[in-house]
PDB file of N, CA and C in Angstrom:
ATOM      1  N   UNK A   1       6.890   2.775  20.920  1.00  0.00           N
ATOM      2  CA  UNK A   1       5.881   2.427  19.933  1.00  0.00           C
ATOM      3  C   UNK A   1       6.481   2.622  18.546  1.00  0.00           C
ATOM      4  N   UNK A   2       6.222   1.671  17.678  1.00  0.00           N
ATOM      5  CA  UNK A   2       6.682   1.794  16.303  1.00  0.00           C
ATOM      6  C   UNK A   2       5.480   1.865  15.365  1.00  0.00           C
ATOM      7  N   UNK A   3       5.744   2.371  14.172  1.00  0.00           N
ATOM      8  CA  UNK A   3       4.705   2.520  13.154  1.00  0.00           C
ATOM      9  C   UNK A   3       5.121   1.718  11.926  1.00  0.00           C
ATOM     10  N   UNK A   4       4.189   0.917  11.415  1.00  0.00           N
ATOM     11  CA  UNK A   4       4.424   0.129  10.214  1.00  0.00           C
ATOM     12  C   UNK A   4       3.457   0.589   9.131  1.00  0.00           C
ATOM     13  N   UNK A   5       3.962   0.775   7.924  1.00  0.00           N
ATOM     14  CA  UNK A   5       3.091   1.094   6.793  1.00  0.00           C
ATOM     15  C   UNK A   5       2.541  -0.225   6.256  1.00  0.00           C
ATOM     16  N   UNK A   6       1.247  -0.430   6.410  1.00  0.00           N
ATOM     17  CA  UNK A   6       0.579  -1.635   5.909  1.00  0.00           C
ATOM     18  C   UNK A   6       0.387  -1.533   4.400  1.00  0.00           C
ATOM     19  N   UNK A   7      -0.045  -0.375   3.928  1.00  0.00           N
ATOM     20  CA  UNK A   7      -0.246  -0.120   2.499  1.00  0.00           C
ATOM     21  C   UNK A   7      -0.258   1.385   2.292  1.00  0.00           C
ATOM     22  N   UNK A   8       0.098   1.816   1.092  1.00  0.00           N
ATOM     23  CA  UNK A   8       0.068   3.252   0.781  1.00  0.00           C
ATOM     24  C   UNK A   8      -0.010   3.417  -0.727  1.00  0.00           C
ATOM     25  N   UNK A   9      -0.339   4.623  -1.142  1.00  0.00           N
ATOM     26  CA  UNK A   9      -0.409   4.905  -2.568  1.00  0.00           C
ATOM     27  C   UNK A   9      -1.068   6.238  -2.820  1.00  0.00           C
ATOM     28  N   UNK A  10      -1.456   6.455  -4.055  1.00  0.00           N
ATOM     29  CA  UNK A  10      -2.202   7.644  -4.457  1.00  0.00           C
ATOM     30  C   UNK A  10      -3.426   7.171  -5.216  1.00  0.00           C
ATOM     31  N   UNK A  11      -4.603   7.599  -4.771  1.00  0.00           N
ATOM     32  CA  UNK A  11      -5.855   7.204  -5.422  1.00  0.00           C
ATOM     33  C   UNK A  11      -6.400   8.362  -6.231  1.00  0.00           C
ATOM     34  N   UNK A  12      -6.601   8.137  -7.540  1.00  0.00           N
ATOM     35  CA  UNK A  12      -7.285   9.111  -8.385  1.00  0.00           C
ATOM     36  C   UNK A  12      -8.776   8.855  -8.259  1.00  0.00           C
ATOM     37  N   UNK A  13      -9.492   9.827  -7.738  1.00  0.00           N
ATOM     38  CA  UNK A  13     -10.911   9.641  -7.447  1.00  0.00           C
ATOM     39  C   UNK A  13     -11.770   9.809  -8.700  1.00  0.00           C
ATOM     40  N   UNK A  14     -12.688   8.885  -8.870  1.00  0.00           N
ATOM     41  CA  UNK A  14     -13.762   9.005  -9.848  1.00  0.00           C
ATOM     42  C   UNK A  14     -14.999   9.396  -9.055  1.00  0.00           C
ATOM     43  N   UNK A  15     -15.645  10.488  -9.426  1.00  0.00           N
ATOM     44  CA  UNK A  15     -16.779  10.993  -8.656  1.00  0.00           C
ATOM     45  C   UNK A  15     -17.838   9.916  -8.446  1.00  0.00           C
ATOM     46  N   UNK A  16     -18.362   9.876  -7.234  1.00  0.00           N
ATOM     47  CA  UNK A  16     -19.429   8.990  -6.750  1.00  0.00           C
ATOM     48  C   UNK A  16     -19.030   7.511  -6.726  1.00  0.00           C
ATOM     49  N   UNK A  17     -17.745   7.196  -6.841  1.00  0.00           N
ATOM     50  CA  UNK A  17     -17.277   5.812  -6.758  1.00  0.00           C
ATOM     51  C   UNK A  17     -16.501   5.637  -5.458  1.00  0.00           C
ATOM     52  N   UNK A  18     -16.877   4.631  -4.669  1.00  0.00           N
ATOM     53  CA  UNK A  18     -16.111   4.327  -3.468  1.00  0.00           C
ATOM     54  C   UNK A  18     -14.902   3.489  -3.887  1.00  0.00           C
ATOM     55  N   UNK A  19     -13.719   4.010  -3.614  1.00  0.00           N
ATOM     56  CA  UNK A  19     -12.473   3.351  -3.984  1.00  0.00           C
ATOM     57  C   UNK A  19     -11.905   2.640  -2.768  1.00  0.00           C
ATOM     58  N   UNK A  20     -11.774   1.315  -2.845  1.00  0.00           N
ATOM     59  CA  UNK A  20     -11.101   0.566  -1.781  1.00  0.00           C
ATOM     60  C   UNK A  20      -9.615   0.844  -1.866  1.00  0.00           C
ATOM     61  N   UNK A  21      -9.024   1.248  -0.749  1.00  0.00           N
ATOM     62  CA  UNK A  21      -7.603   1.554  -0.712  1.00  0.00           C
ATOM     63  C   UNK A  21      -6.790   0.352  -0.243  1.00  0.00           C
ATOM     64  N   UNK A  22      -7.220  -0.287   0.850  1.00  0.00           N
ATOM     65  CA  UNK A  22      -6.469  -1.415   1.403  1.00  0.00           C
ATOM     66  C   UNK A  22      -7.359  -2.231   2.312  1.00  0.00           C
ATOM     67  N   UNK A  23      -7.001  -3.501   2.456  1.00  0.00           N
ATOM     68  CA  UNK A  23      -7.616  -4.413   3.411  1.00  0.00           C
ATOM     69  C   UNK A  23      -6.494  -5.143   4.124  1.00  0.00           C
ATOM     70  N   UNK A  24      -6.644  -5.342   5.426  1.00  0.00           N
ATOM     71  CA  UNK A  24      -5.652  -6.090   6.192  1.00  0.00           C
ATOM     72  C   UNK A  24      -6.381  -6.987   7.177  1.00  0.00           C
ATOM     73  N   UNK A  25      -5.814  -8.165   7.431  1.00  0.00           N
ATOM     74  CA  UNK A  25      -6.465  -9.123   8.330  1.00  0.00           C
ATOM     75  C   UNK A  25      -5.612  -9.442   9.555  1.00  0.00           C
ATOM     76  N   UNK A  26      -4.622  -8.633   9.824  1.00  0.00           N
ATOM     77  CA  UNK A  26      -3.820  -8.817  11.029  1.00  0.00           C
ATOM     78  C   UNK A  26      -4.504  -8.128  12.209  1.00  0.00           C
ATOM     79  N   UNK A  27      -3.980  -8.359  13.378  1.00  0.00           N
ATOM     80  CA  UNK A  27      -4.509  -7.735  14.595  1.00  0.00           C
ATOM     81  C   UNK A  27      -3.608  -6.563  14.971  1.00  0.00           C
ATOM     82  N   UNK A  28      -4.137  -5.341  14.776  1.00  0.00           N
ATOM     83  CA  UNK A  28      -3.357  -4.127  15.027  1.00  0.00           C
ATOM     84  C   UNK A  28      -4.271  -3.006  15.510  1.00  0.00           C
ATOM     85  N   UNK A  29      -3.642  -1.928  15.915  1.00  0.00           N
ATOM     86  CA  UNK A  29      -4.297  -0.634  16.055  1.00  0.00           C
ATOM     87  C   UNK A  29      -3.886   0.150  14.811  1.00  0.00           C
ATOM     88  N   UNK A  30      -4.873   0.583  14.042  1.00  0.00           N
ATOM     89  CA  UNK A  30      -4.618   1.202  12.742  1.00  0.00           C
ATOM     90  C   UNK A  30      -4.951   2.690  12.754  1.00  0.00           C
ATOM     91  N   UNK A  31      -4.287   3.421  11.859  1.00  0.00           N
ATOM     92  CA  UNK A  31      -4.607   4.821  11.580  1.00  0.00           C
ATOM     93  C   UNK A  31      -4.551   4.985  10.066  1.00  0.00           C
ATOM     94  N   UNK A  32      -5.581   5.609   9.507  1.00  0.00           N
ATOM     95  CA  UNK A  32      -5.595   5.935   8.084  1.00  0.00           C
ATOM     96  C   UNK A  32      -5.214   7.395   7.926  1.00  0.00           C
ATOM     97  N   UNK A  33      -4.240   7.658   7.081  1.00  0.00           N
ATOM     98  CA  UNK A  33      -3.845   9.037   6.766  1.00  0.00           C
ATOM     99  C   UNK A  33      -4.149   9.334   5.311  1.00  0.00           C
ATOM    100  N   UNK A  34      -4.725  10.521   5.058  1.00  0.00           N
ATOM    101  CA  UNK A  34      -5.039  10.948   3.691  1.00  0.00           C
ATOM    102  C   UNK A  34      -4.610  12.398   3.538  1.00  0.00           C
ATOM    103  N   UNK A  35      -3.909  12.691   2.452  1.00  0.00           N
ATOM    104  CA  UNK A  35      -3.489  14.063   2.136  1.00  0.00           C
ATOM    105  C   UNK A  35      -4.554  14.692   1.247  1.00  0.00           C
ATOM    106  N   UNK A  36      -5.260  15.681   1.770  1.00  0.00           N
ATOM    107  CA  UNK A  36      -6.346  16.335   1.032  1.00  0.00           C
ATOM    108  C   UNK A  36      -5.907  17.671   0.428  1.00  0.00           C
ATOM    109  N   UNK A  37      -4.614  17.852   0.269  1.00  0.00           N
ATOM    110  CA  UNK A  37      -4.076  19.115  -0.232  1.00  0.00           C
ATOM    111  C   UNK A  37      -4.535  19.492  -1.624  1.00  0.00           C
ATOM    112  N   UNK A  38      -4.985  18.550  -2.429  1.00  0.00           N
ATOM    113  CA  UNK A  38      -5.436  18.846  -3.796  1.00  0.00           C
ATOM    114  C   UNK A  38      -6.871  19.354  -3.852  1.00  0.00           C
ATOM    115  N   UNK A  39      -7.600  19.299  -2.730  1.00  0.00           N
ATOM    116  CA  UNK A  39      -9.019  19.687  -2.754  1.00  0.00           C
ATOM    117  C   UNK A  39      -9.193  21.163  -3.084  1.00  0.00           C
ATOM    118  N   UNK A  40     -10.275  21.465  -3.795  1.00  0.00           N
ATOM    119  CA  UNK A  40     -10.606  22.830  -4.201  1.00  0.00           C
ATOM    120  C   UNK A  40     -12.070  23.112  -3.859  1.00  0.00           C
ATOM    121  N   UNK A  41     -12.476  24.334  -4.096  1.00  0.00           N
ATOM    122  CA  UNK A  41     -13.848  24.746  -3.837  1.00  0.00           C
ATOM    123  C   UNK A  41     -14.815  23.794  -4.539  1.00  0.00           C
ATOM    124  N   UNK A  42     -15.839  23.361  -3.834  1.00  0.00           N
ATOM    125  CA  UNK A  42     -16.908  22.461  -4.308  1.00  0.00           C
ATOM    126  C   UNK A  42     -16.549  20.983  -4.228  1.00  0.00           C
ATOM    127  N   UNK A  43     -15.314  20.633  -3.853  1.00  0.00           N
ATOM    128  CA  UNK A  43     -14.963  19.225  -3.676  1.00  0.00           C
ATOM    129  C   UNK A  43     -15.504  18.716  -2.339  1.00  0.00           C
ATOM    130  N   UNK A  44     -15.998  17.495  -2.332  1.00  0.00           N
ATOM    131  CA  UNK A  44     -16.427  16.824  -1.092  1.00  0.00           C
ATOM    132  C   UNK A  44     -15.817  15.429  -1.102  1.00  0.00           C
ATOM    133  N   UNK A  45     -15.106  15.101  -0.030  1.00  0.00           N
ATOM    134  CA  UNK A  45     -14.429  13.816   0.092  1.00  0.00           C
ATOM    135  C   UNK A  45     -14.837  13.149   1.393  1.00  0.00           C
ATOM    136  N   UNK A  46     -15.137  11.857   1.326  1.00  0.00           N
ATOM    137  CA  UNK A  46     -15.415  11.070   2.523  1.00  0.00           C
ATOM    138  C   UNK A  46     -14.397   9.948   2.610  1.00  0.00           C
ATOM    139  N   UNK A  47     -13.784   9.798   3.793  1.00  0.00           N
ATOM    140  CA  UNK A  47     -12.907   8.653   4.052  1.00  0.00           C
ATOM    141  C   UNK A  47     -13.654   7.714   4.983  1.00  0.00           C
ATOM    142  N   UNK A  48     -13.486   6.411   4.757  1.00  0.00           N
ATOM    143  CA  UNK A  48     -14.238   5.409   5.511  1.00  0.00           C
ATOM    144  C   UNK A  48     -13.322   4.286   5.979  1.00  0.00           C
ATOM    145  N   UNK A  49     -13.637   3.754   7.163  1.00  0.00           N
ATOM    146  CA  UNK A  49     -12.927   2.603   7.711  1.00  0.00           C
ATOM    147  C   UNK A  49     -13.976   1.581   8.140  1.00  0.00           C
ATOM    148  N   UNK A  50     -13.824   0.340   7.656  1.00  0.00           N
ATOM    149  CA  UNK A  50     -14.737  -0.750   7.977  1.00  0.00           C
ATOM    150  C   UNK A  50     -13.974  -1.809   8.773  1.00  0.00           C
ATOM    151  N   UNK A  51     -14.628  -2.439   9.729  1.00  0.00           N
ATOM    152  CA  UNK A  51     -14.028  -3.531  10.493  1.00  0.00           C
ATOM    153  C   UNK A  51     -15.063  -4.641  10.692  1.00  0.00           C
ATOM    154  N   UNK A  52     -14.572  -5.793  11.191  1.00  0.00           N
ATOM    155  CA  UNK A  52     -15.431  -6.902  11.618  1.00  0.00           C
ATOM    156  C   UNK A  52     -15.172  -7.149  13.095  1.00  0.00           C
ATOM    157  N   UNK A  53     -16.201  -7.469  13.840  1.00  0.00           N
ATOM    158  CA  UNK A  53     -16.062  -7.800  15.264  1.00  0.00           C
ATOM    159  C   UNK A  53     -15.706  -9.261  15.483  1.00  0.00           C
ATOM    160  N   UNK A  54     -16.294 -10.148  14.665  1.00  0.00           N
ATOM    161  CA  UNK A  54     -16.094 -11.588  14.835  1.00  0.00           C
ATOM    162  C   UNK A  54     -15.663 -12.216  13.521  1.00  0.00           C
ATOM    163  N   UNK A  55     -14.880 -13.284  13.604  1.00  0.00           N
ATOM    164  CA  UNK A  55     -14.511 -14.037  12.418  1.00  0.00           C
ATOM    165  C   UNK A  55     -15.789 -14.547  11.752  1.00  0.00           C
ATOM    166  N   UNK A  56     -15.912 -14.327  10.473  1.00  0.00           N
ATOM    167  CA  UNK A  56     -17.126 -14.733   9.773  1.00  0.00           C
ATOM    168  C   UNK A  56     -18.269 -13.752   9.954  1.00  0.00           C
ATOM    169  N   UNK A  57     -18.027 -12.675  10.706  1.00  0.00           N
ATOM    170  CA  UNK A  57     -19.059 -11.672  10.947  1.00  0.00           C
ATOM    171  C   UNK A  57     -19.225 -10.735   9.769  1.00  0.00           C
ATOM    172  N   UNK A  58     -20.105  -9.771   9.952  1.00  0.00           N
ATOM    173  CA  UNK A  58     -20.407  -8.799   8.913  1.00  0.00           C
ATOM    174  C   UNK A  58     -19.503  -7.587   9.044  1.00  0.00           C
ATOM    175  N   UNK A  59     -18.944  -7.156   7.918  1.00  0.00           N
ATOM    176  CA  UNK A  59     -18.143  -5.942   7.899  1.00  0.00           C
ATOM    177  C   UNK A  59     -19.061  -4.735   8.102  1.00  0.00           C
ATOM    178  N   UNK A  60     -18.663  -3.838   9.005  1.00  0.00           N
ATOM    179  CA  UNK A  60     -19.476  -2.660   9.315  1.00  0.00           C
ATOM    180  C   UNK A  60     -18.617  -1.400   9.288  1.00  0.00           C
ATOM    181  N   UNK A  61     -19.261  -0.281   9.039  1.00  0.00           N
ATOM    182  CA  UNK A  61     -18.577   1.009   9.071  1.00  0.00           C
ATOM    183  C   UNK A  61     -18.191   1.341  10.505  1.00  0.00           C
ATOM    184  N   UNK A  62     -16.894   1.560  10.734  1.00  0.00           N
ATOM    185  CA  UNK A  62     -16.392   1.874  12.067  1.00  0.00           C
ATOM    186  C   UNK A  62     -16.065   3.355  12.216  1.00  0.00           C
ATOM    187  N   UNK A  63     -15.758   4.028  11.117  1.00  0.00           N
ATOM    188  CA  UNK A  63     -15.385   5.446  11.160  1.00  0.00           C
ATOM    189  C   UNK A  63     -15.591   6.040   9.782  1.00  0.00           C
ATOM    190  N   UNK A  64     -16.077   7.259   9.738  1.00  0.00           N
ATOM    191  CA  UNK A  64     -16.106   8.026   8.494  1.00  0.00           C
ATOM    192  C   UNK A  64     -15.953   9.500   8.826  1.00  0.00           C
ATOM    193  N   UNK A  65     -15.391  10.224   7.886  1.00  0.00           N
ATOM    194  CA  UNK A  65     -15.236  11.671   8.026  1.00  0.00           C
ATOM    195  C   UNK A  65     -15.402  12.285   6.647  1.00  0.00           C
ATOM    196  N   UNK A  66     -16.067  13.436   6.608  1.00  0.00           N
ATOM    197  CA  UNK A  66     -16.316  14.136   5.350  1.00  0.00           C
ATOM    198  C   UNK A  66     -15.621  15.484   5.385  1.00  0.00           C
ATOM    199  N   UNK A  67     -14.962  15.814   4.276  1.00  0.00           N
ATOM    200  CA  UNK A  67     -14.226  17.077   4.147  1.00  0.00           C
ATOM    201  C   UNK A  67     -14.719  17.799   2.906  1.00  0.00           C
ATOM    202  N   UNK A  68     -14.882  19.121   3.028  1.00  0.00           N
ATOM    203  CA  UNK A  68     -15.413  19.924   1.928  1.00  0.00           C
ATOM    204  C   UNK A  68     -14.489  21.087   1.613  1.00  0.00           C
ATOM    205  N   UNK A  69     -14.361  21.392   0.330  1.00  0.00           N
ATOM    206  CA  UNK A  69     -13.660  22.584  -0.165  1.00  0.00           C
ATOM    207  C   UNK A  69     -12.154  22.526   0.109  1.00  0.00           C
ATOM    208  N   UNK A  70     -11.487  23.648   0.021  1.00  0.00           N
ATOM    209  CA  UNK A  70     -10.048  23.747   0.275  1.00  0.00           C
ATOM    210  C   UNK A  70      -9.806  23.476   1.757  1.00  0.00           C
ATOM    211  N   UNK A  71      -8.768  22.708   2.062  1.00  0.00           N
ATOM    212  CA  UNK A  71      -8.477  22.322   3.444  1.00  0.00           C
ATOM    213  C   UNK A  71      -7.292  23.130   3.973  1.00  0.00           C
ATOM    214  N   UNK A  72      -7.518  23.842   5.064  1.00  0.00           N
ATOM    215  CA  UNK A  72      -6.453  24.618   5.698  1.00  0.00           C
ATOM    216  C   UNK A  72      -5.408  23.739   6.350  1.00  0.00           C
ATOM    217  N   UNK A  73      -5.822  22.570   6.819  1.00  0.00           N
ATOM    218  CA  UNK A  73      -4.925  21.564   7.408  1.00  0.00           C
ATOM    219  C   UNK A  73      -5.130  20.274   6.616  1.00  0.00           C
ATOM    220  N   UNK A  74      -4.392  20.092   5.527  1.00  0.00           N
ATOM    221  CA  UNK A  74      -4.708  19.017   4.583  1.00  0.00           C
ATOM    222  C   UNK A  74      -4.349  17.602   5.012  1.00  0.00           C
ATOM    223  N   UNK A  75      -3.471  17.424   5.975  1.00  0.00           N
ATOM    224  CA  UNK A  75      -3.125  16.067   6.407  1.00  0.00           C
ATOM    225  C   UNK A  75      -4.199  15.574   7.368  1.00  0.00           C
ATOM    226  N   UNK A  76      -4.950  14.566   6.962  1.00  0.00           N
ATOM    227  CA  UNK A  76      -6.054  14.032   7.762  1.00  0.00           C
ATOM    228  C   UNK A  76      -5.680  12.648   8.288  1.00  0.00           C
ATOM    229  N   UNK A  77      -6.019  12.395   9.554  1.00  0.00           N
ATOM    230  CA  UNK A  77      -5.765  11.098  10.175  1.00  0.00           C
ATOM    231  C   UNK A  77      -7.023  10.635  10.893  1.00  0.00           C
ATOM    232  N   UNK A  78      -7.337   9.352  10.735  1.00  0.00           N
ATOM    233  CA  UNK A  78      -8.432   8.773  11.506  1.00  0.00           C
ATOM    234  C   UNK A  78      -7.972   8.637  12.948  1.00  0.00           C
ATOM    235  N   UNK A  79      -8.911   8.499  13.866  1.00  0.00           N
ATOM    236  CA  UNK A  79      -8.496   8.128  15.224  1.00  0.00           C
ATOM    237  C   UNK A  79      -7.948   6.703  15.183  1.00  0.00           C
ATOM    238  N   UNK A  80      -7.179   6.290  16.173  1.00  0.00           N
ATOM    239  CA  UNK A  80      -6.721   4.894  16.218  1.00  0.00           C
ATOM    240  C   UNK A  80      -7.923   3.945  16.272  1.00  0.00           C
ATOM    241  N   UNK A  81      -7.886   2.915  15.437  1.00  0.00           N
ATOM    242  CA  UNK A  81      -8.985   1.954  15.345  1.00  0.00           C
ATOM    243  C   UNK A  81      -8.424   0.556  15.578  1.00  0.00           C
ATOM    244  N   UNK A  82      -8.958  -0.131  16.575  1.00  0.00           N
ATOM    245  CA  UNK A  82      -8.531  -1.487  16.896  1.00  0.00           C
ATOM    246  C   UNK A  82      -9.285  -2.459  15.999  1.00  0.00           C
ATOM    247  N   UNK A  83      -8.532  -3.340  15.340  1.00  0.00           N
ATOM    248  CA  UNK A  83      -9.155  -4.358  14.495  1.00  0.00           C
ATOM    249  C   UNK A  83      -8.390  -5.663  14.673  1.00  0.00           C
ATOM    250  N   UNK A  84      -9.082  -6.702  15.124  1.00  0.00           N
ATOM    251  CA  UNK A  84      -8.425  -7.990  15.321  1.00  0.00           C
ATOM    252  C   UNK A  84      -8.830  -9.037  14.286  1.00  0.00           C
ATOM    253  N   UNK A  85      -9.816  -8.732  13.445  1.00  0.00           N
ATOM    254  CA  UNK A  85     -10.257  -9.670  12.412  1.00  0.00           C
ATOM    255  C   UNK A  85      -9.901  -9.123  11.029  1.00  0.00           C
ATOM    256  N   UNK A  86     -10.413  -7.943  10.701  1.00  0.00           N
ATOM    257  CA  UNK A  86     -10.076  -7.326   9.418  1.00  0.00           C
ATOM    258  C   UNK A  86     -10.408  -5.839   9.453  1.00  0.00           C
ATOM    259  N   UNK A  87      -9.744  -5.127   8.573  1.00  0.00           N
ATOM    260  CA  UNK A  87      -9.996  -3.703   8.390  1.00  0.00           C
ATOM    261  C   UNK A  87      -9.946  -3.428   6.890  1.00  0.00           C
ATOM    262  N   UNK A  88     -10.824  -2.565   6.420  1.00  0.00           N
ATOM    263  CA  UNK A  88     -10.825  -2.119   5.022  1.00  0.00           C
ATOM    264  C   UNK A  88     -10.986  -0.612   5.031  1.00  0.00           C
ATOM    265  N   UNK A  89     -10.185   0.089   4.230  1.00  0.00           N
ATOM    266  CA  UNK A  89     -10.269   1.546   4.165  1.00  0.00           C
ATOM    267  C   UNK A  89     -10.593   1.966   2.741  1.00  0.00           C
ATOM    268  N   UNK A  90     -11.359   3.056   2.631  1.00  0.00           N
ATOM    269  CA  UNK A  90     -11.775   3.519   1.310  1.00  0.00           C
ATOM    270  C   UNK A  90     -11.936   5.023   1.314  1.00  0.00           C
ATOM    271  N   UNK A  91     -12.078   5.575   0.107  1.00  0.00           N
ATOM    272  CA  UNK A  91     -12.451   6.986  -0.014  1.00  0.00           C
ATOM    273  C   UNK A  91     -13.473   7.140  -1.118  1.00  0.00           C
ATOM    274  N   UNK A  92     -14.278   8.181  -0.979  1.00  0.00           N
ATOM    275  CA  UNK A  92     -15.346   8.487  -1.925  1.00  0.00           C
ATOM    276  C   UNK A  92     -15.391   9.994  -2.109  1.00  0.00           C
ATOM    277  N   UNK A  93     -15.159  10.448  -3.340  1.00  0.00           N
ATOM    278  CA  UNK A  93     -15.348  11.864  -3.636  1.00  0.00           C
ATOM    279  C   UNK A  93     -16.704  12.009  -4.305  1.00  0.00           C
ATOM    280  N   UNK A  94     -17.602  12.742  -3.641  1.00  0.00           N
ATOM    281  CA  UNK A  94     -18.984  12.820  -4.122  1.00  0.00           C
ATOM    282  C   UNK A  94     -19.305  14.072  -4.920  1.00  0.00           C
ATOM    283  N   UNK A  95     -18.426  15.080  -4.899  1.00  0.00           N
ATOM    284  CA  UNK A  95     -18.698  16.314  -5.636  1.00  0.00           C
ATOM    285  C   UNK A  95     -17.392  16.988  -6.012  1.00  0.00           C
ATOM    286  N   UNK A  96     -17.491  17.895  -6.981  1.00  0.00           N
ATOM    287  CA  UNK A  96     -16.330  18.657  -7.424  1.00  0.00           C
ATOM    288  C   UNK A  96     -15.665  18.014  -8.624  1.00  0.00           C
ATOM    289  N   UNK A  97     -14.367  18.181  -8.710  1.00  0.00           N
ATOM    290  CA  UNK A  97     -13.554  17.607  -9.769  1.00  0.00           C
ATOM    291  C   UNK A  97     -12.738  16.477  -9.168  1.00  0.00           C
ATOM    292  N   UNK A  98     -12.700  15.320  -9.811  1.00  0.00           N
ATOM    293  CA  UNK A  98     -11.939  14.190  -9.293  1.00  0.00           C
ATOM    294  C   UNK A  98     -10.487  14.563  -9.059  1.00  0.00           C
ATOM    295  N   UNK A  99      -9.994  14.293  -7.871  1.00  0.00           N
ATOM    296  CA  UNK A  99      -8.622  14.647  -7.475  1.00  0.00           C
ATOM    297  C   UNK A  99      -7.830  13.385  -7.170  1.00  0.00           C
ATOM    298  N   UNK A 100      -6.536  13.545  -7.006  1.00  0.00           N
ATOM    299  CA  UNK A 100      -5.657  12.459  -6.574  1.00  0.00           C
ATOM    300  C   UNK A 100      -5.296  12.660  -5.120  1.00  0.00           C
ATOM    301  N   UNK A 101      -5.415  11.590  -4.332  1.00  0.00           N
ATOM    302  CA  UNK A 101      -5.213  11.656  -2.886  1.00  0.00           C
ATOM    303  C   UNK A 101      -4.136  10.665  -2.446  1.00  0.00           C
ATOM    304  N   UNK A 102      -2.973  11.148  -2.006  1.00  0.00           N
ATOM    305  CA  UNK A 102      -2.000  10.257  -1.374  1.00  0.00           C
ATOM    306  C   UNK A 102      -2.569   9.756  -0.041  1.00  0.00           C
ATOM    307  N   UNK A 103      -2.293   8.492   0.292  1.00  0.00           N
ATOM    308  CA  UNK A 103      -2.854   7.908   1.514  1.00  0.00           C
ATOM    309  C   UNK A 103      -1.893   6.852   2.054  1.00  0.00           C
ATOM    310  N   UNK A 104      -2.086   6.514   3.332  1.00  0.00           N
ATOM    311  CA  UNK A 104      -1.321   5.432   3.971  1.00  0.00           C
ATOM    312  C   UNK A 104      -2.155   4.814   5.075  1.00  0.00           C
ATOM    313  N   UNK A 105      -2.151   3.488   5.124  1.00  0.00           N
ATOM    314  CA  UNK A 105      -2.749   2.767   6.247  1.00  0.00           C
ATOM    315  C   UNK A 105      -1.594   2.349   7.151  1.00  0.00           C
ATOM    316  N   UNK A 106      -1.603   2.850   8.372  1.00  0.00           N
ATOM    317  CA  UNK A 106      -0.511   2.646   9.327  1.00  0.00           C
ATOM    318  C   UNK A 106      -0.969   1.726  10.447  1.00  0.00           C
ATOM    319  N   UNK A 107      -0.027   0.926  10.962  1.00  0.00           N
ATOM    320  CA  UNK A 107      -0.304   0.073  12.119  1.00  0.00           C
ATOM    321  C   UNK A 107       0.625   0.505  13.243  1.00  0.00           C
ATOM    322  N   UNK A 108       0.060   0.641  14.435  1.00  0.00           N
ATOM    323  CA  UNK A 108       0.843   1.020  15.612  1.00  0.00           C
ATOM    324  C   UNK A 108       1.162  -0.244  16.397  1.00  0.00           C
ATOM    325  N   UNK A 109       2.408  -0.381  16.806  1.00  0.00           N
ATOM    326  CA  UNK A 109       2.766  -1.542  17.624  1.00  0.00           C
ATOM    327  C   UNK A 109       3.878  -1.202  18.585  1.00  0.00           C
TER     328      UNK A 109
END
């Protein structure tokens, strides 16, 4: 099995704004990785993954996870998510001080 980086970067979070990180329309099994090492007390971060089931269908939330405060294990990974039409990943920091989050959308093949 090989891993391909579809997109990566560092997102500076603006509180209460959902930041789109990447969108891909290939057919893959994807994993979103986010480094939450910058989080501090009172920070709340949500990572989200959206997919479509059918071409021309409606994009829906397929996975989300919320993290609060300082993280003892800061490297976060979504479960593998199969997407054959499209995938969009985002993050939303809803509380605390806006932080910068390194991230990568990976494809397994």
